């Protein structure tokens, strides 16, 4: 999520993806990723944003939020 909206992100960290697909890494709703990423933004001649691309280069950790007590 970015700015309250779902964002399309390409994950380039192949080893992490292999571990995730093999179910050795779990991500739950509310979790976040500590990662290194690259964001590319394209503009037209008037400075209006035309496109935005995000690529995750390396994932360092899955961040689990602290437990909430009711």
PDB file of N, CA and C in Angstrom:
ATOM      1  N   UNK A   1       0.850  -1.179   0.000  1.00  0.00           N
ATOM      2  CA  UNK A   1       0.000   0.000   0.000  1.00  0.00           C
ATOM      3  C   UNK A   1       0.894   1.241   0.000  1.00  0.00           C
ATOM      4  N   UNK A   2       0.456   2.216  -0.744  1.00  0.00           N
ATOM      5  CA  UNK A   2       1.181   3.482  -0.788  1.00  0.00           C
ATOM      6  C   UNK A   2       0.146   4.586  -0.914  1.00  0.00           C
ATOM      7  N   UNK A   3       0.118   5.478   0.060  1.00  0.00           N
ATOM      8  CA  UNK A   3      -0.866   6.553   0.039  1.00  0.00           C
ATOM      9  C   UNK A   3      -2.292   6.032   0.116  1.00  0.00           C
ATOM     10  N   UNK A   4      -2.481   4.903   0.816  1.00  0.00           N
ATOM     11  CA  UNK A   4      -3.814   4.328   0.963  1.00  0.00           C
ATOM     12  C   UNK A   4      -4.293   3.543  -0.247  1.00  0.00           C
ATOM     13  N   UNK A   5      -3.433   3.389  -1.249  1.00  0.00           N
ATOM     14  CA  UNK A   5      -3.812   2.654  -2.466  1.00  0.00           C
ATOM     15  C   UNK A   5      -2.827   1.526  -2.708  1.00  0.00           C
ATOM     16  N   UNK A   6      -3.312   0.459  -3.327  1.00  0.00           N
ATOM     17  CA  UNK A   6      -2.435  -0.651  -3.691  1.00  0.00           C
ATOM     18  C   UNK A   6      -1.462  -0.166  -4.760  1.00  0.00           C
ATOM     19  N   UNK A   7      -0.204  -0.551  -4.613  1.00  0.00           N
ATOM     20  CA  UNK A   7       0.825  -0.149  -5.569  1.00  0.00           C
ATOM     21  C   UNK A   7       1.403  -1.396  -6.230  1.00  0.00           C
ATOM     22  N   UNK A   8       1.683  -1.304  -7.510  1.00  0.00           N
ATOM     23  CA  UNK A   8       2.325  -2.409  -8.224  1.00  0.00           C
ATOM     24  C   UNK A   8       3.825  -2.304  -7.981  1.00  0.00           C
ATOM     25  N   UNK A   9       4.399  -3.385  -7.488  1.00  0.00           N
ATOM     26  CA  UNK A   9       5.821  -3.412  -7.154  1.00  0.00           C
ATOM     27  C   UNK A   9       6.436  -4.678  -7.735  1.00  0.00           C
ATOM     28  N   UNK A  10       7.591  -4.546  -8.364  1.00  0.00           N
ATOM     29  CA  UNK A  10       8.325  -5.692  -8.893  1.00  0.00           C
ATOM     30  C   UNK A  10       9.388  -6.071  -7.864  1.00  0.00           C
ATOM     31  N   UNK A  11       9.432  -7.359  -7.476  1.00  0.00           N
ATOM     32  CA  UNK A  11      10.436  -7.831  -6.525  1.00  0.00           C
ATOM     33  C   UNK A  11      11.563  -8.496  -7.320  1.00  0.00           C
ATOM     34  N   UNK A  12      12.772  -7.943  -7.193  1.00  0.00           N
ATOM     35  CA  UNK A  12      13.930  -8.449  -7.923  1.00  0.00           C
ATOM     36  C   UNK A  12      14.823  -9.354  -7.075  1.00  0.00           C
ATOM     37  N   UNK A  13      14.526  -9.472  -5.800  1.00  0.00           N
ATOM     38  CA  UNK A  13      15.327 -10.278  -4.877  1.00  0.00           C
ATOM     39  C   UNK A  13      14.943 -11.756  -5.056  1.00  0.00           C
ATOM     40  N   UNK A  14      15.635 -12.428  -5.958  1.00  0.00           N
ATOM     41  CA  UNK A  14      15.280 -13.799  -6.370  1.00  0.00           C
ATOM     42  C   UNK A  14      15.351 -14.813  -5.226  1.00  0.00           C
ATOM     43  N   UNK A  15      16.420 -14.755  -4.416  1.00  0.00           N
ATOM     44  CA  UNK A  15      16.550 -15.730  -3.318  1.00  0.00           C
ATOM     45  C   UNK A  15      15.384 -15.599  -2.342  1.00  0.00           C
ATOM     46  N   UNK A  16      15.027 -14.359  -1.995  1.00  0.00           N
ATOM     47  CA  UNK A  16      13.905 -14.132  -1.086  1.00  0.00           C
ATOM     48  C   UNK A  16      12.610 -14.670  -1.699  1.00  0.00           C
ATOM     49  N   UNK A  17      12.402 -14.421  -2.985  1.00  0.00           N
ATOM     50  CA  UNK A  17      11.193 -14.919  -3.655  1.00  0.00           C
ATOM     51  C   UNK A  17      11.129 -16.440  -3.643  1.00  0.00           C
ATOM     52  N   UNK A  18      12.265 -17.096  -3.858  1.00  0.00           N
ATOM     53  CA  UNK A  18      12.293 -18.559  -3.815  1.00  0.00           C
ATOM     54  C   UNK A  18      11.908 -19.065  -2.428  1.00  0.00           C
ATOM     55  N   UNK A  19      12.427 -18.427  -1.383  1.00  0.00           N
ATOM     56  CA  UNK A  19      12.093 -18.814  -0.008  1.00  0.00           C
ATOM     57  C   UNK A  19      10.609 -18.573   0.281  1.00  0.00           C
ATOM     58  N   UNK A  20      10.088 -17.461  -0.197  1.00  0.00           N
ATOM     59  CA  UNK A  20       8.665 -17.140  -0.007  1.00  0.00           C
ATOM     60  C   UNK A  20       7.779 -18.151  -0.741  1.00  0.00           C
ATOM     61  N   UNK A  21       8.104 -18.457  -1.960  1.00  0.00           N
ATOM     62  CA  UNK A  21       7.304 -19.406  -2.744  1.00  0.00           C
ATOM     63  C   UNK A  21       7.379 -20.814  -2.173  1.00  0.00           C
ATOM     64  N   UNK A  22       8.485 -21.135  -1.513  1.00  0.00           N
ATOM     65  CA  UNK A  22       8.631 -22.440  -0.863  1.00  0.00           C
ATOM     66  C   UNK A  22       7.968 -22.439   0.524  1.00  0.00           C
ATOM     67  N   UNK A  23       7.338 -21.341   0.891  1.00  0.00           N
ATOM     68  CA  UNK A  23       6.622 -21.168   2.170  1.00  0.00           C
ATOM     69  C   UNK A  23       7.534 -21.190   3.387  1.00  0.00           C
ATOM     70  N   UNK A  24       8.794 -20.835   3.195  1.00  0.00           N
ATOM     71  CA  UNK A  24       9.715 -20.727   4.328  1.00  0.00           C
ATOM     72  C   UNK A  24       9.669 -19.328   4.933  1.00  0.00           C
ATOM     73  N   UNK A  25       9.048 -18.389   4.238  1.00  0.00           N
ATOM     74  CA  UNK A  25       8.831 -17.028   4.731  1.00  0.00           C
ATOM     75  C   UNK A  25       7.332 -16.781   4.675  1.00  0.00           C
ATOM     76  N   UNK A  26       6.781 -16.266   5.764  1.00  0.00           N
ATOM     77  CA  UNK A  26       5.356 -15.979   5.802  1.00  0.00           C
ATOM     78  C   UNK A  26       5.134 -14.484   5.999  1.00  0.00           C
ATOM     79  N   UNK A  27       4.127 -13.979   5.331  1.00  0.00           N
ATOM     80  CA  UNK A  27       3.707 -12.591   5.477  1.00  0.00           C
ATOM     81  C   UNK A  27       2.226 -12.607   5.818  1.00  0.00           C
ATOM     82  N   UNK A  28       1.858 -11.899   6.874  1.00  0.00           N
ATOM     83  CA  UNK A  28       0.471 -11.822   7.312  1.00  0.00           C
ATOM     84  C   UNK A  28      -0.058 -10.410   7.061  1.00  0.00           C
ATOM     85  N   UNK A  29      -1.387 -10.257   6.988  1.00  0.00           N
ATOM     86  CA  UNK A  29      -1.952  -8.909   6.848  1.00  0.00           C
ATOM     87  C   UNK A  29      -1.446  -8.005   7.977  1.00  0.00           C
ATOM     88  N   UNK A  30      -1.030  -6.811   7.642  1.00  0.00           N
ATOM     89  CA  UNK A  30      -0.515  -5.859   8.621  1.00  0.00           C
ATOM     90  C   UNK A  30       1.001  -5.866   8.721  1.00  0.00           C
ATOM     91  N   UNK A  31       1.663  -6.903   8.189  1.00  0.00           N
ATOM     92  CA  UNK A  31       3.127  -6.961   8.194  1.00  0.00           C
ATOM     93  C   UNK A  31       3.685  -5.954   7.191  1.00  0.00           C
ATOM     94  N   UNK A  32       4.930  -5.571   7.397  1.00  0.00           N
ATOM     95  CA  UNK A  32       5.645  -4.671   6.486  1.00  0.00           C
ATOM     96  C   UNK A  32       6.965  -5.315   6.093  1.00  0.00           C
ATOM     97  N   UNK A  33       7.571  -4.797   5.038  1.00  0.00           N
ATOM     98  CA  UNK A  33       8.877  -5.287   4.606  1.00  0.00           C
ATOM     99  C   UNK A  33       9.920  -4.204   4.800  1.00  0.00           C
ATOM    100  N   UNK A  34      11.041  -4.585   5.423  1.00  0.00           N
ATOM    101  CA  UNK A  34      12.206  -3.717   5.490  1.00  0.00           C
ATOM    102  C   UNK A  34      13.009  -4.049   4.240  1.00  0.00           C
ATOM    103  N   UNK A  35      13.099  -3.104   3.314  1.00  0.00           N
ATOM    104  CA  UNK A  35      13.725  -3.425   2.035  1.00  0.00           C
ATOM    105  C   UNK A  35      14.426  -2.219   1.428  1.00  0.00           C
ATOM    106  N   UNK A  36      15.283  -2.532   0.480  1.00  0.00           N
ATOM    107  CA  UNK A  36      15.921  -1.522  -0.355  1.00  0.00           C
ATOM    108  C   UNK A  36      15.167  -1.523  -1.678  1.00  0.00           C
ATOM    109  N   UNK A  37      14.723  -0.343  -2.110  1.00  0.00           N
ATOM    110  CA  UNK A  37      13.950  -0.288  -3.349  1.00  0.00           C
ATOM    111  C   UNK A  37      14.400   0.878  -4.215  1.00  0.00           C
ATOM    112  N   UNK A  38      13.994   0.801  -5.471  1.00  0.00           N
ATOM    113  CA  UNK A  38      14.277   1.872  -6.427  1.00  0.00           C
ATOM    114  C   UNK A  38      12.946   2.342  -7.002  1.00  0.00           C
ATOM    115  N   UNK A  39      12.760   3.644  -7.007  1.00  0.00           N
ATOM    116  CA  UNK A  39      11.539   4.222  -7.568  1.00  0.00           C
ATOM    117  C   UNK A  39      11.918   5.108  -8.745  1.00  0.00           C
ATOM    118  N   UNK A  40      11.254   4.887  -9.875  1.00  0.00           N
ATOM    119  CA  UNK A  40      11.504   5.658 -11.084  1.00  0.00           C
ATOM    120  C   UNK A  40      10.217   6.384 -11.455  1.00  0.00           C
ATOM    121  N   UNK A  41      10.329   7.689 -11.673  1.00  0.00           N
ATOM    122  CA  UNK A  41       9.163   8.499 -12.023  1.00  0.00           C
ATOM    123  C   UNK A  41       9.431   9.175 -13.356  1.00  0.00           C
ATOM    124  N   UNK A  42       8.463   9.064 -14.273  1.00  0.00           N
ATOM    125  CA  UNK A  42       8.582   9.719 -15.571  1.00  0.00           C
ATOM    126  C   UNK A  42       7.641  10.917 -15.653  1.00  0.00           C
ATOM    127  N   UNK A  43       8.132  12.016 -16.245  1.00  0.00           N
ATOM    128  CA  UNK A  43       7.351  13.249 -16.355  1.00  0.00           C
ATOM    129  C   UNK A  43       7.254  13.685 -17.811  1.00  0.00           C
ATOM    130  N   UNK A  44       6.199  14.436 -18.135  1.00  0.00           N
ATOM    131  CA  UNK A  44       6.104  15.022 -19.469  1.00  0.00           C
ATOM    132  C   UNK A  44       6.801  16.388 -19.465  1.00  0.00           C
ATOM    133  N   UNK A  45       6.762  17.101 -20.579  1.00  0.00           N
ATOM    134  CA  UNK A  45       7.468  18.383 -20.722  1.00  0.00           C
ATOM    135  C   UNK A  45       6.948  19.453 -19.761  1.00  0.00           C
ATOM    136  N   UNK A  46       5.703  19.326 -19.313  1.00  0.00           N
ATOM    137  CA  UNK A  46       5.123  20.295 -18.388  1.00  0.00           C
ATOM    138  C   UNK A  46       5.364  19.918 -16.918  1.00  0.00           C
ATOM    139  N   UNK A  47       6.049  18.811 -16.679  1.00  0.00           N
ATOM    140  CA  UNK A  47       6.342  18.393 -15.311  1.00  0.00           C
ATOM    141  C   UNK A  47       5.259  17.557 -14.662  1.00  0.00           C
ATOM    142  N   UNK A  48       4.293  17.113 -15.474  1.00  0.00           N
ATOM    143  CA  UNK A  48       3.238  16.250 -14.940  1.00  0.00           C
ATOM    144  C   UNK A  48       3.740  14.803 -14.879  1.00  0.00           C
ATOM    145  N   UNK A  49       3.430  14.135 -13.784  1.00  0.00           N
ATOM    146  CA  UNK A  49       3.860  12.738 -13.649  1.00  0.00           C
ATOM    147  C   UNK A  49       3.101  11.856 -14.630  1.00  0.00           C
ATOM    148  N   UNK A  50       3.854  11.080 -15.413  1.00  0.00           N
ATOM    149  CA  UNK A  50       3.256  10.171 -16.385  1.00  0.00           C
ATOM    150  C   UNK A  50       3.218   8.740 -15.863  1.00  0.00           C
ATOM    151  N   UNK A  51       4.287   8.317 -15.195  1.00  0.00           N
ATOM    152  CA  UNK A  51       4.342   6.951 -14.687  1.00  0.00           C
ATOM    153  C   UNK A  51       5.254   6.884 -13.473  1.00  0.00           C
ATOM    154  N   UNK A  52       5.018   5.859 -12.657  1.00  0.00           N
ATOM    155  CA  UNK A  52       5.827   5.626 -11.474  1.00  0.00           C
ATOM    156  C   UNK A  52       6.039   4.122 -11.372  1.00  0.00           C
ATOM    157  N   UNK A  53       7.296   3.703 -11.256  1.00  0.00           N
ATOM    158  CA  UNK A  53       7.626   2.283 -11.130  1.00  0.00           C
ATOM    159  C   UNK A  53       8.439   2.081  -9.860  1.00  0.00           C
ATOM    160  N   UNK A  54       8.117   1.007  -9.124  1.00  0.00           N
ATOM    161  CA  UNK A  54       8.842   0.669  -7.908  1.00  0.00           C
ATOM    162  C   UNK A  54       9.370  -0.751  -8.051  1.00  0.00           C
ATOM    163  N   UNK A  55      10.660  -0.919  -7.765  1.00  0.00           N
ATOM    164  CA  UNK A  55      11.292  -2.239  -7.808  1.00  0.00           C
ATOM    165  C   UNK A  55      11.994  -2.476  -6.475  1.00  0.00           C
ATOM    166  N   UNK A  56      11.688  -3.613  -5.836  1.00  0.00           N
ATOM    167  CA  UNK A  56      12.352  -3.983  -4.598  1.00  0.00           C
ATOM    168  C   UNK A  56      13.648  -4.698  -4.981  1.00  0.00           C
ATOM    169  N   UNK A  57      14.758  -4.154  -4.542  1.00  0.00           N
ATOM    170  CA  UNK A  57      16.076  -4.695  -4.866  1.00  0.00           C
ATOM    171  C   UNK A  57      16.446  -5.813  -3.886  1.00  0.00           C
ATOM    172  N   UNK A  58      16.252  -5.558  -2.587  1.00  0.00           N
ATOM    173  CA  UNK A  58      16.600  -6.544  -1.556  1.00  0.00           C
ATOM    174  C   UNK A  58      15.643  -6.419  -0.382  1.00  0.00           C
ATOM    175  N   UNK A  59      15.163  -7.551   0.108  1.00  0.00           N
ATOM    176  CA  UNK A  59      14.299  -7.572   1.291  1.00  0.00           C
ATOM    177  C   UNK A  59      15.160  -8.029   2.458  1.00  0.00           C
ATOM    178  N   UNK A  60      15.193  -7.188   3.512  1.00  0.00           N
ATOM    179  CA  UNK A  60      16.024  -7.466   4.678  1.00  0.00           C
ATOM    180  C   UNK A  60      15.268  -8.242   5.752  1.00  0.00           C
ATOM    181  N   UNK A  61      13.981  -7.915   5.941  1.00  0.00           N
ATOM    182  CA  UNK A  61      13.208  -8.574   6.998  1.00  0.00           C
ATOM    183  C   UNK A  61      11.723  -8.319   6.811  1.00  0.00           C
ATOM    184  N   UNK A  62      10.916  -9.206   7.391  1.00  0.00           N
ATOM    185  CA  UNK A  62       9.470  -8.995   7.508  1.00  0.00           C
ATOM    186  C   UNK A  62       9.259  -8.394   8.892  1.00  0.00           C
ATOM    187  N   UNK A  63       8.580  -7.256   8.950  1.00  0.00           N
ATOM    188  CA  UNK A  63       8.339  -6.572  10.220  1.00  0.00           C
ATOM    189  C   UNK A  63       6.914  -6.885  10.665  1.00  0.00           C
ATOM    190  N   UNK A  64       6.808  -7.528  11.813  1.00  0.00           N
ATOM    191  CA  UNK A  64       5.520  -7.898  12.380  1.00  0.00           C
ATOM    192  C   UNK A  64       5.126  -6.796  13.368  1.00  0.00           C
ATOM    193  N   UNK A  65       3.891  -6.269  13.268  1.00  0.00           N
ATOM    194  CA  UNK A  65       3.497  -5.209  14.195  1.00  0.00           C
ATOM    195  C   UNK A  65       3.383  -5.750  15.612  1.00  0.00           C
ATOM    196  N   UNK A  66       3.569  -4.893  16.612  1.00  0.00           N
ATOM    197  CA  UNK A  66       3.431  -5.350  17.992  1.00  0.00           C
ATOM    198  C   UNK A  66       2.011  -5.831  18.259  1.00  0.00           C
ATOM    199  N   UNK A  67       1.885  -6.789  19.168  1.00  0.00           N
ATOM    200  CA  UNK A  67       0.565  -7.342  19.506  1.00  0.00           C
ATOM    201  C   UNK A  67      -0.302  -6.259  20.133  1.00  0.00           C
ATOM    202  N   UNK A  68      -1.541  -6.218  19.717  1.00  0.00           N
ATOM    203  CA  UNK A  68      -2.513  -5.247  20.257  1.00  0.00           C
ATOM    204  C   UNK A  68      -3.350  -5.933  21.325  1.00  0.00           C
ATOM    205  N   UNK A  69      -3.433  -5.357  22.497  1.00  0.00           N
ATOM    206  CA  UNK A  69      -4.291  -5.952  23.523  1.00  0.00           C
ATOM    207  C   UNK A  69      -5.661  -5.288  23.463  1.00  0.00           C
ATOM    208  N   UNK A  70      -6.701  -6.097  23.668  1.00  0.00           N
ATOM    209  CA  UNK A  70      -8.079  -5.599  23.531  1.00  0.00           C
ATOM    210  C   UNK A  70      -8.550  -4.898  24.772  1.00  0.00           C
TER     211      UNK A  70
END
